[in-house]
PDB file of N, CA and C in Angstrom:
ATOM      1  N   MET A   1     -26.524 -37.500  47.497  1.00  0.00           N
ATOM      2  CA  MET A   1     -25.339 -36.957  48.136  1.00  0.00           C
ATOM      3  C   MET A   1     -24.537 -36.209  47.076  1.00  0.00           C
ATOM      4  N   ARG A   2     -24.155 -35.019  47.407  1.00  0.00           N
ATOM      5  CA  ARG A   2     -23.434 -34.173  46.467  1.00  0.00           C
ATOM      6  C   ARG A   2     -21.936 -34.216  46.741  1.00  0.00           C
ATOM      7  N   MET A   3     -21.155 -34.396  45.671  1.00  0.00           N
ATOM      8  CA  MET A   3     -19.700 -34.418  45.832  1.00  0.00           C
ATOM      9  C   MET A   3     -19.159 -33.003  45.790  1.00  0.00           C
ATOM     10  N   GLU A   4     -18.193 -32.733  46.596  1.00  0.00           N
ATOM     11  CA  GLU A   4     -17.569 -31.406  46.617  1.00  0.00           C
ATOM     12  C   GLU A   4     -16.559 -31.282  45.494  1.00  0.00           C
ATOM     13  N   ASN A   5     -16.549 -30.127  44.854  1.00  0.00           N
ATOM     14  CA  ASN A   5     -15.603 -29.860  43.779  1.00  0.00           C
ATOM     15  C   ASN A   5     -14.516 -28.946  44.326  1.00  0.00           C
ATOM     16  N   ASN A   6     -13.333 -29.469  44.473  1.00  0.00           N
ATOM     17  CA  ASN A   6     -12.233 -28.694  45.044  1.00  0.00           C
ATOM     18  C   ASN A   6     -11.356 -28.045  43.993  1.00  0.00           C
ATOM     19  N   HIS A   7     -11.738 -28.164  42.714  1.00  0.00           N
ATOM     20  CA  HIS A   7     -10.946 -27.571  41.648  1.00  0.00           C
ATOM     21  C   HIS A   7     -11.171 -26.070  41.615  1.00  0.00           C
ATOM     22  N   LYS A   8     -10.094 -25.328  41.522  1.00  0.00           N
ATOM     23  CA  LYS A   8     -10.195 -23.882  41.402  1.00  0.00           C
ATOM     24  C   LYS A   8     -10.343 -23.513  39.938  1.00  0.00           C
ATOM     25  N   LEU A   9     -11.228 -22.589  39.673  1.00  0.00           N
ATOM     26  CA  LEU A   9     -11.356 -22.079  38.316  1.00  0.00           C
ATOM     27  C   LEU A   9     -10.320 -20.987  38.117  1.00  0.00           C
ATOM     28  N   GLU A  10      -9.576 -21.099  37.051  1.00  0.00           N
ATOM     29  CA  GLU A  10      -8.550 -20.111  36.778  1.00  0.00           C
ATOM     30  C   GLU A  10      -9.009 -19.207  35.658  1.00  0.00           C
ATOM     31  N   ASP A  11      -8.776 -17.922  35.813  1.00  0.00           N
ATOM     32  CA  ASP A  11      -9.141 -16.952  34.789  1.00  0.00           C
ATOM     33  C   ASP A  11      -8.118 -16.909  33.671  1.00  0.00           C
ATOM     34  N   GLU A  12      -6.949 -17.406  33.921  1.00  0.00           N
ATOM     35  CA  GLU A  12      -5.875 -17.316  32.948  1.00  0.00           C
ATOM     36  C   GLU A  12      -5.712 -18.634  32.203  1.00  0.00           C
ATOM     37  N   VAL A  13      -5.227 -18.531  30.998  1.00  0.00           N
ATOM     38  CA  VAL A  13      -4.946 -19.707  30.193  1.00  0.00           C
ATOM     39  C   VAL A  13      -3.699 -20.378  30.765  1.00  0.00           C
ATOM     40  N   GLY A  14      -3.646 -21.677  30.676  1.00  0.00           N
ATOM     41  CA  GLY A  14      -2.512 -22.420  31.216  1.00  0.00           C
ATOM     42  C   GLY A  14      -1.184 -22.015  30.594  1.00  0.00           C
ATOM     43  N   THR A  15      -0.114 -22.301  31.277  1.00  0.00           N
ATOM     44  CA  THR A  15       1.221 -21.912  30.817  1.00  0.00           C
ATOM     45  C   THR A  15       1.599 -22.581  29.500  1.00  0.00           C
ATOM     46  N   GLU A  16       1.005 -23.728  29.207  1.00  0.00           N
ATOM     47  CA  GLU A  16       1.317 -24.389  27.946  1.00  0.00           C
ATOM     48  C   GLU A  16       0.780 -23.607  26.754  1.00  0.00           C
ATOM     49  N   TYR A  17      -0.096 -22.630  27.020  1.00  0.00           N
ATOM     50  CA  TYR A  17      -0.648 -21.790  25.964  1.00  0.00           C
ATOM     51  C   TYR A  17      -0.106 -20.368  25.998  1.00  0.00           C
ATOM     52  N   ASP A  18       1.017 -20.174  26.624  1.00  0.00           N
ATOM     53  CA  ASP A  18       1.625 -18.840  26.697  1.00  0.00           C
ATOM     54  C   ASP A  18       2.377 -18.573  25.399  1.00  0.00           C
ATOM     55  N   PHE A  19       1.707 -17.921  24.459  1.00  0.00           N
ATOM     56  CA  PHE A  19       2.280 -17.693  23.141  1.00  0.00           C
ATOM     57  C   PHE A  19       3.324 -16.585  23.123  1.00  0.00           C
ATOM     58  N   SER A  20       3.434 -15.824  24.197  1.00  0.00           N
ATOM     59  CA  SER A  20       4.446 -14.770  24.232  1.00  0.00           C
ATOM     60  C   SER A  20       5.857 -15.360  24.271  1.00  0.00           C
ATOM     61  N   LYS A  21       5.984 -16.598  24.693  1.00  0.00           N
ATOM     62  CA  LYS A  21       7.296 -17.242  24.761  1.00  0.00           C
ATOM     63  C   LYS A  21       7.630 -18.002  23.482  1.00  0.00           C
ATOM     64  N   LYS A  22       6.659 -18.132  22.593  1.00  0.00           N
ATOM     65  CA  LYS A  22       6.894 -18.839  21.333  1.00  0.00           C
ATOM     66  C   LYS A  22       7.567 -17.899  20.347  1.00  0.00           C
ATOM     67  N   LYS A  23       8.416 -18.444  19.500  1.00  0.00           N
ATOM     68  CA  LYS A  23       9.122 -17.631  18.515  1.00  0.00           C
ATOM     69  C   LYS A  23       8.632 -17.980  17.118  1.00  0.00           C
ATOM     70  N   GLY A  24       8.667 -17.005  16.229  1.00  0.00           N
ATOM     71  CA  GLY A  24       8.349 -17.251  14.836  1.00  0.00           C
ATOM     72  C   GLY A  24       6.923 -16.930  14.442  1.00  0.00           C
ATOM     73  N   GLY A  25       6.053 -16.668  15.399  1.00  0.00           N
ATOM     74  CA  GLY A  25       4.671 -16.347  15.073  1.00  0.00           C
ATOM     75  C   GLY A  25       4.549 -14.908  14.595  1.00  0.00           C
ATOM     76  N   VAL A  26       3.707 -14.692  13.610  1.00  0.00           N
ATOM     77  CA  VAL A  26       3.503 -13.352  13.068  1.00  0.00           C
ATOM     78  C   VAL A  26       2.016 -13.048  13.142  1.00  0.00           C
ATOM     79  N   ARG A  27       1.683 -11.986  13.843  1.00  0.00           N
ATOM     80  CA  ARG A  27       0.276 -11.603  13.965  1.00  0.00           C
ATOM     81  C   ARG A  27      -0.220 -11.037  12.633  1.00  0.00           C
ATOM     82  N   GLY A  28      -1.373 -11.511  12.186  1.00  0.00           N
ATOM     83  CA  GLY A  28      -1.963 -11.011  10.956  1.00  0.00           C
ATOM     84  C   GLY A  28      -1.271 -11.475   9.693  1.00  0.00           C
ATOM     85  N   LYS A  29      -0.597 -12.587   9.764  1.00  0.00           N
ATOM     86  CA  LYS A  29       0.187 -13.089   8.643  1.00  0.00           C
ATOM     87  C   LYS A  29      -0.665 -13.319   7.392  1.00  0.00           C
ATOM     88  N   TYR A  30      -1.881 -13.772   7.563  1.00  0.00           N
ATOM     89  CA  TYR A  30      -2.732 -14.125   6.426  1.00  0.00           C
ATOM     90  C   TYR A  30      -3.891 -13.157   6.229  1.00  0.00           C
ATOM     91  N   VAL A  31      -3.866 -12.010   6.875  1.00  0.00           N
ATOM     92  CA  VAL A  31      -5.014 -11.105   6.832  1.00  0.00           C
ATOM     93  C   VAL A  31      -5.292 -10.582   5.425  1.00  0.00           C
ATOM     94  N   GLU A  32      -4.273 -10.258   4.665  1.00  0.00           N
ATOM     95  CA  GLU A  32      -4.489  -9.744   3.304  1.00  0.00           C
ATOM     96  C   GLU A  32      -5.058 -10.834   2.392  1.00  0.00           C
ATOM     97  N   ARG A  33      -4.557 -12.045   2.515  1.00  0.00           N
ATOM     98  CA  ARG A  33      -5.075 -13.156   1.716  1.00  0.00           C
ATOM     99  C   ARG A  33      -6.541 -13.396   2.060  1.00  0.00           C
ATOM    100  N   TYR A  34      -6.875 -13.292   3.324  1.00  0.00           N
ATOM    101  CA  TYR A  34      -8.257 -13.475   3.760  1.00  0.00           C
ATOM    102  C   TYR A  34      -9.162 -12.387   3.189  1.00  0.00           C
ATOM    103  N   ARG A  35      -8.705 -11.146   3.255  1.00  0.00           N
ATOM    104  CA  ARG A  35      -9.518 -10.034   2.766  1.00  0.00           C
ATOM    105  C   ARG A  35      -9.778 -10.118   1.272  1.00  0.00           C
ATOM    106  N   THR A  36      -8.802 -10.541   0.498  1.00  0.00           N
ATOM    107  CA  THR A  36      -8.994 -10.615  -0.948  1.00  0.00           C
ATOM    108  C   THR A  36      -9.924 -11.756  -1.333  1.00  0.00           C
ATOM    109  N   GLY A  37      -9.991 -12.795  -0.526  1.00  0.00           N
ATOM    110  CA  GLY A  37     -10.829 -13.941  -0.840  1.00  0.00           C
ATOM    111  C   GLY A  37     -12.186 -13.909  -0.176  1.00  0.00           C
ATOM    112  N   THR A  38     -12.498 -12.837   0.540  1.00  0.00           N
ATOM    113  CA  THR A  38     -13.740 -12.763   1.280  1.00  0.00           C
ATOM    114  C   THR A  38     -14.520 -11.524   0.873  1.00  0.00           C
ATOM    115  N   ASN A  39     -15.802 -11.709   0.656  1.00  0.00           N
ATOM    116  CA  ASN A  39     -16.663 -10.588   0.327  1.00  0.00           C
ATOM    117  C   ASN A  39     -17.940 -10.740   1.144  1.00  0.00           C
ATOM    118  N   VAL A  40     -18.004 -10.050   2.249  1.00  0.00           N
ATOM    119  CA  VAL A  40     -19.146 -10.145   3.140  1.00  0.00           C
ATOM    120  C   VAL A  40     -20.014  -8.914   2.944  1.00  0.00           C
ATOM    121  N   VAL A  41     -21.296  -9.138   2.744  1.00  0.00           N
ATOM    122  CA  VAL A  41     -22.250  -8.054   2.568  1.00  0.00           C
ATOM    123  C   VAL A  41     -23.357  -8.239   3.590  1.00  0.00           C
ATOM    124  N   LEU A  42     -23.670  -7.188   4.323  1.00  0.00           N
ATOM    125  CA  LEU A  42     -24.752  -7.255   5.302  1.00  0.00           C
ATOM    126  C   LEU A  42     -26.047  -6.795   4.654  1.00  0.00           C
ATOM    127  N   LEU A  43     -27.068  -7.614   4.772  1.00  0.00           N
ATOM    128  CA  LEU A  43     -28.363  -7.299   4.192  1.00  0.00           C
ATOM    129  C   LEU A  43     -29.274  -6.699   5.254  1.00  0.00           C
ATOM    130  N   ASP A  44     -30.122  -5.780   4.831  1.00  0.00           N
ATOM    131  CA  ASP A  44     -31.145  -5.264   5.732  1.00  0.00           C
ATOM    132  C   ASP A  44     -32.128  -6.391   6.025  1.00  0.00           C
ATOM    133  N   PRO A  45     -32.786  -6.348   7.169  1.00  0.00           N
ATOM    134  CA  PRO A  45     -33.667  -7.454   7.564  1.00  0.00           C
ATOM    135  C   PRO A  45     -34.749  -7.792   6.536  1.00  0.00           C
ATOM    136  N   ASP A  46     -35.337  -6.776   5.887  1.00  0.00           N
ATOM    137  CA  ASP A  46     -36.389  -7.059   4.908  1.00  0.00           C
ATOM    138  C   ASP A  46     -35.835  -7.770   3.673  1.00  0.00           C
ATOM    139  N   VAL A  47     -34.630  -7.421   3.268  1.00  0.00           N
ATOM    140  CA  VAL A  47     -33.993  -8.077   2.125  1.00  0.00           C
ATOM    141  C   VAL A  47     -33.589  -9.499   2.514  1.00  0.00           C
ATOM    142  N   ALA A  48     -33.055  -9.668   3.701  1.00  0.00           N
ATOM    143  CA  ALA A  48     -32.647 -10.999   4.168  1.00  0.00           C
ATOM    144  C   ALA A  48     -33.854 -11.932   4.281  1.00  0.00           C
ATOM    145  N   GLN A  49     -35.008 -11.377   4.586  1.00  0.00           N
ATOM    146  CA  GLN A  49     -36.213 -12.204   4.673  1.00  0.00           C
ATOM    147  C   GLN A  49     -36.626 -12.685   3.277  1.00  0.00           C
ATOM    148  N   ALA A  50     -36.466 -11.825   2.286  1.00  0.00           N
ATOM    149  CA  ALA A  50     -36.828 -12.190   0.918  1.00  0.00           C
ATOM    150  C   ALA A  50     -35.805 -13.138   0.297  1.00  0.00           C
ATOM    151  N   PHE A  51     -34.552 -12.998   0.685  1.00  0.00           N
ATOM    152  CA  PHE A  51     -33.461 -13.817   0.143  1.00  0.00           C
ATOM    153  C   PHE A  51     -32.682 -14.432   1.303  1.00  0.00           C
ATOM    154  N   PRO A  52     -33.161 -15.543   1.856  1.00  0.00           N
ATOM    155  CA  PRO A  52     -32.577 -16.086   3.077  1.00  0.00           C
ATOM    156  C   PRO A  52     -31.245 -16.812   2.913  1.00  0.00           C
ATOM    157  N   THR A  53     -30.867 -17.162   1.654  1.00  0.00           N
ATOM    158  CA  THR A  53     -29.609 -17.888   1.469  1.00  0.00           C
ATOM    159  C   THR A  53     -28.718 -17.138   0.489  1.00  0.00           C
ATOM    160  N   SER A  54     -27.446 -17.436   0.525  1.00  0.00           N
ATOM    161  CA  SER A  54     -26.526 -16.793  -0.411  1.00  0.00           C
ATOM    162  C   SER A  54     -26.839 -17.204  -1.845  1.00  0.00           C
ATOM    163  N   ASP A  55     -27.317 -18.424  -2.029  1.00  0.00           N
ATOM    164  CA  ASP A  55     -27.696 -18.863  -3.382  1.00  0.00           C
ATOM    165  C   ASP A  55     -28.852 -18.037  -3.933  1.00  0.00           C
ATOM    166  N   SER A  56     -29.835 -17.741  -3.095  1.00  0.00           N
ATOM    167  CA  SER A  56     -30.972 -16.948  -3.568  1.00  0.00           C
ATOM    168  C   SER A  56     -30.557 -15.512  -3.890  1.00  0.00           C
ATOM    169  N   VAL A  57     -29.645 -14.963  -3.108  1.00  0.00           N
ATOM    170  CA  VAL A  57     -29.128 -13.621  -3.389  1.00  0.00           C
ATOM    171  C   VAL A  57     -28.365 -13.623  -4.708  1.00  0.00           C
ATOM    172  N   ASN A  58     -27.495 -14.598  -4.901  1.00  0.00           N
ATOM    173  CA  ASN A  58     -26.715 -14.678  -6.138  1.00  0.00           C
ATOM    174  C   ASN A  58     -27.604 -14.855  -7.358  1.00  0.00           C
ATOM    175  N   GLU A  59     -28.621 -15.685  -7.241  1.00  0.00           N
ATOM    176  CA  GLU A  59     -29.534 -15.903  -8.370  1.00  0.00           C
ATOM    177  C   GLU A  59     -30.260 -14.605  -8.734  1.00  0.00           C
ATOM    178  N   ALA A  60     -30.749 -13.891  -7.736  1.00  0.00           N
ATOM    179  CA  ALA A  60     -31.457 -12.634  -7.997  1.00  0.00           C
ATOM    180  C   ALA A  60     -30.524 -11.597  -8.622  1.00  0.00           C
ATOM    181  N   LEU A  61     -29.304 -11.514  -8.148  1.00  0.00           N
ATOM    182  CA  LEU A  61     -28.361 -10.540  -8.707  1.00  0.00           C
ATOM    183  C   LEU A  61     -27.965 -10.908 -10.131  1.00  0.00           C
ATOM    184  N   ARG A  62     -27.818 -12.191 -10.417  1.00  0.00           N
ATOM    185  CA  ARG A  62     -27.497 -12.607 -11.789  1.00  0.00           C
ATOM    186  C   ARG A  62     -28.641 -12.260 -12.748  1.00  0.00           C
ATOM    187  N   LEU A  63     -29.878 -12.453 -12.287  1.00  0.00           N
ATOM    188  CA  LEU A  63     -31.021 -12.069 -13.114  1.00  0.00           C
ATOM    189  C   LEU A  63     -31.046 -10.558 -13.352  1.00  0.00           C
ATOM    190  N   LEU A  64     -30.726  -9.803 -12.341  1.00  0.00           N
ATOM    191  CA  LEU A  64     -30.669  -8.345 -12.479  1.00  0.00           C
ATOM    192  C   LEU A  64     -29.587  -7.928 -13.465  1.00  0.00           C
ATOM    193  N   ILE A  65     -28.454  -8.594 -13.434  1.00  0.00           N
ATOM    194  CA  ILE A  65     -27.374  -8.324 -14.385  1.00  0.00           C
ATOM    195  C   ILE A  65     -27.843  -8.606 -15.809  1.00  0.00           C
ATOM    196  N   GLN A  66     -28.507  -9.745 -16.004  1.00  0.00           N
ATOM    197  CA  GLN A  66     -29.007 -10.097 -17.339  1.00  0.00           C
ATOM    198  C   GLN A  66     -30.016  -9.062 -17.845  1.00  0.00           C
ATOM    199  N   ILE A  67     -30.905  -8.625 -16.982  1.00  0.00           N
ATOM    200  CA  ILE A  67     -31.902  -7.616 -17.372  1.00  0.00           C
ATOM    201  C   ILE A  67     -31.230  -6.312 -17.754  1.00  0.00           C
ATOM    202  N   SER A  68     -30.268  -5.893 -16.962  1.00  0.00           N
ATOM    203  CA  SER A  68     -29.604  -4.625 -17.242  1.00  0.00           C
ATOM    204  C   SER A  68     -28.788  -4.700 -18.543  1.00  0.00           C
ATOM    205  N   GLN A  69     -28.209  -5.860 -18.840  1.00  0.00           N
ATOM    206  CA  GLN A  69     -27.453  -6.010 -20.089  1.00  0.00           C
ATOM    207  C   GLN A  69     -28.380  -6.009 -21.296  1.00  0.00           C
ATOM    208  N   ARG A  70     -29.557  -6.566 -21.169  1.00  0.00           N
ATOM    209  CA  ARG A  70     -30.534  -6.541 -22.267  1.00  0.00           C
ATOM    210  C   ARG A  70     -31.058  -5.134 -22.521  1.00  0.00           C
ATOM    211  N   GLN A  71     -31.177  -4.351 -21.468  1.00  0.00           N
ATOM    212  CA  GLN A  71     -31.687  -2.995 -21.597  1.00  0.00           C
ATOM    213  C   GLN A  71     -30.694  -2.093 -22.339  1.00  0.00           C
ATOM    214  N   LYS A  72     -29.417  -2.404 -22.224  1.00  0.00           N
ATOM    215  CA  LYS A  72     -28.381  -1.598 -22.863  1.00  0.00           C
ATOM    216  C   LYS A  72     -28.379  -1.758 -24.380  1.00  0.00           C
ATOM    217  N   VAL A  73     -28.801  -2.911 -24.861  1.00  0.00           N
ATOM    218  CA  VAL A  73     -28.759  -3.219 -26.301  1.00  0.00           C
ATOM    219  C   VAL A  73     -29.840  -2.534 -27.047  1.00  0.00           C
TER     220      VAL A  73
END
């Protein structure tokens, strides 16, 4: 036996979440702090397959830095 669900689905967020009536909020307050502390790089699929983790990418780049510094001397 199936129970009937009489609850209406609402498309809108409840009134307790109406942030337009709240005071003191600032949109984008921390955006600059976030940008300075974040460095996101998108890898091409073939590179991502070779270096699947951020640790593997960092290790490979550090080795490349060491090689390039030795070549300069």
